[in-house]
Protein backbone atom coordinates (compact mmCIF):
# COMPACT_ATOMS: atom_id res chain seq x y z
CA MET A 1 -0.02 -0.02 -0.59
CA PRO A 2 0.64 3.42 -0.84
CA PRO A 3 2.95 4.87 2.16
CA ASN A 4 0.13 7.76 2.10
CA ARG A 5 -3.20 6.21 1.66
CA LYS A 6 -4.79 4.64 4.23
CA THR A 7 -6.26 1.36 5.35
CA PHE A 8 -9.89 0.39 5.82
CA GLY A 9 -9.22 0.56 9.70
CA GLN A 10 -7.50 3.61 10.09
CA ILE A 11 -10.90 4.92 7.90
CA LEU A 12 -13.04 2.76 9.82
CA ARG A 13 -11.87 4.56 12.35
CA GLU A 14 -11.78 8.76 11.41
CA LYS A 15 -15.74 7.97 9.55
CA ARG A 16 -16.95 6.38 13.65
CA VAL A 17 -14.79 9.24 15.43
CA ALA A 18 -16.69 12.41 12.97
CA LYS A 19 -20.13 10.55 13.16
CA GLY A 20 -19.60 11.04 17.44
CA TYR A 21 -19.39 7.58 18.42
CA SER A 22 -17.41 5.57 20.35
CA LEU A 23 -15.62 2.97 19.94
CA ARG A 24 -18.24 0.67 23.41
CA LYS A 25 -20.75 2.53 21.15
CA PHE A 26 -20.23 2.01 18.09
CA ALA A 27 -19.36 -1.70 18.78
CA GLU A 28 -22.80 -2.75 20.33
CA LEU A 29 -24.95 -0.36 17.44
CA VAL A 30 -23.16 -2.87 14.86
CA GLY A 31 -22.96 -6.04 16.98
CA VAL A 32 -19.92 -7.05 17.05
CA SER A 33 -17.68 -6.66 20.56
CA PRO A 34 -15.45 -3.44 21.03
CA THR A 35 -12.28 -5.40 21.03
CA TYR A 36 -13.35 -7.10 17.22
CA GLN A 37 -14.04 -3.05 16.88
CA SER A 38 -10.89 -1.61 18.53
CA GLN A 39 -9.13 -4.40 16.03
CA VAL A 40 -10.02 -3.89 12.44
CA GLU A 41 -9.51 0.12 13.34
CA GLN A 42 -6.20 -1.13 14.17
CA ASP A 43 -6.14 -3.59 11.55
CA LYS A 44 -5.59 -6.61 12.91
CA VAL A 45 -7.92 -9.04 12.14
CA GLU A 46 -6.67 -11.41 9.54
CA SER A 47 -9.62 -10.81 6.86
CA ALA A 48 -11.01 -8.31 6.36
CA PRO A 49 -15.33 -7.83 8.53
CA THR A 50 -17.80 -10.02 6.43
CA VAL A 51 -20.71 -7.68 4.36
CA GLU A 52 -22.47 -8.38 6.28
CA ARG A 53 -20.28 -6.00 9.26
CA LEU A 54 -19.58 -3.68 6.55
CA THR A 55 -23.86 -3.03 5.60
CA ARG A 56 -24.10 -2.75 9.34
CA MET A 57 -21.00 -0.47 10.13
CA ALA A 58 -22.04 2.37 6.66
CA ASP A 59 -25.82 2.41 7.49
CA VAL A 60 -25.19 3.53 11.29
CA LEU A 61 -21.58 5.51 9.40
CA GLY A 62 -24.82 6.42 7.25
CA GLU A 63 -22.19 5.97 4.36
CA ASP A 64 -22.85 4.07 0.55
CA ARG A 65 -22.68 0.95 1.17
CA ASP A 66 -20.67 -1.19 -1.85
CA GLN A 67 -17.81 1.48 -1.11
CA PHE A 68 -17.65 0.67 1.87
CA ILE A 69 -17.11 -2.68 0.55
CA SER A 70 -15.11 -2.00 -1.57
CA LEU A 71 -12.56 -0.05 1.66
CA ALA A 72 -12.49 -2.66 3.02
CA GLY A 73 -11.35 -4.91 -0.31
CA ARG A 74 -15.40 -7.64 -0.48
CA VAL A 75 -17.11 -7.64 -2.62
CA ALA A 76 -21.22 -7.04 -1.99
CA GLU A 77 -22.69 -10.27 -2.28
CA ASP A 78 -24.18 -9.60 -6.03
CA LEU A 79 -22.48 -8.43 -7.74
CA PRO A 80 -20.70 -11.94 -8.44
CA PRO A 81 -23.48 -13.76 -9.47
CA ILE A 82 -24.46 -10.50 -11.61
CA ILE A 83 -20.01 -11.12 -13.61
CA GLN A 84 -20.80 -14.83 -14.05
CA SER A 85 -23.70 -14.29 -15.28
CA ARG A 86 -22.06 -13.17 -18.67
CA PRO A 87 -18.89 -14.22 -18.12
CA ASP A 88 -17.68 -12.91 -21.52
CA GLU A 89 -18.75 -9.02 -21.73
CA LEU A 90 -18.90 -8.74 -17.88
CA PRO A 91 -14.79 -9.02 -16.94
CA LYS A 92 -13.73 -7.14 -20.07
CA LEU A 93 -15.64 -3.85 -19.33
CA LEU A 94 -14.43 -3.82 -16.63
CA ARG A 95 -10.59 -4.02 -17.22
CA THR A 96 -11.87 -2.05 -20.39
CA THR A 97 -12.78 0.98 -17.65
CA LYS A 98 -9.12 0.19 -15.69
CA GLY A 99 -7.95 3.33 -15.18
CA LEU A 100 -10.81 5.77 -17.02
CA ALA A 101 -11.16 8.82 -15.17
CA PRO A 102 -14.46 9.42 -12.09
CA GLU A 103 -16.20 11.28 -15.00
CA GLN A 104 -15.37 8.83 -16.73
CA LEU A 105 -17.17 6.06 -14.95
CA ARG A 106 -20.54 8.33 -14.35
CA GLN A 107 -21.14 9.00 -17.42
CA LEU A 108 -20.42 5.15 -18.08
CA ILE A 109 -23.06 4.69 -16.02
CA GLU A 110 -25.60 7.34 -16.99
CA GLN A 111 -26.04 5.94 -20.46
CA ALA A 112 -25.92 2.60 -19.22
CA GLU A 113 -29.02 3.94 -17.66
CA LYS A 114 -30.59 5.83 -20.05
CA MET A 115 -30.09 2.16 -22.18
CA LYS A 116 -32.05 0.37 -19.86
CA GLU A 117 -34.38 2.36 -20.26
CA LYS A 118 -34.84 1.91 -23.53
CA GLU A 119 -35.08 -1.03 -23.42
CA LYS A 120 -38.34 -1.42 -20.95
């Protein structure tokens, strides 16, 4: 990881503190022990929390679920079946969009949404 890039644990702690949650209160709301929450924030767990836990964390903090899951290095559970439904096109699409600027990706999403609307 580049030296200036924050870890998921650091980001999680900053967002929790910014929302005014104590470690204990946040852990209670998410349904984990304070010890586990502390270990996650210190990047001392072997693997990232489950998608279910990450979703609860995002909801408590008012964060985007997909973004939060991705920051932790996980993939939302609905994505693998979507990719597997079109094994030729979707991996190629993802690889092709790698490196595009955020605005370019937003434009691509808008175009795809318009194409879906026309089909209806």
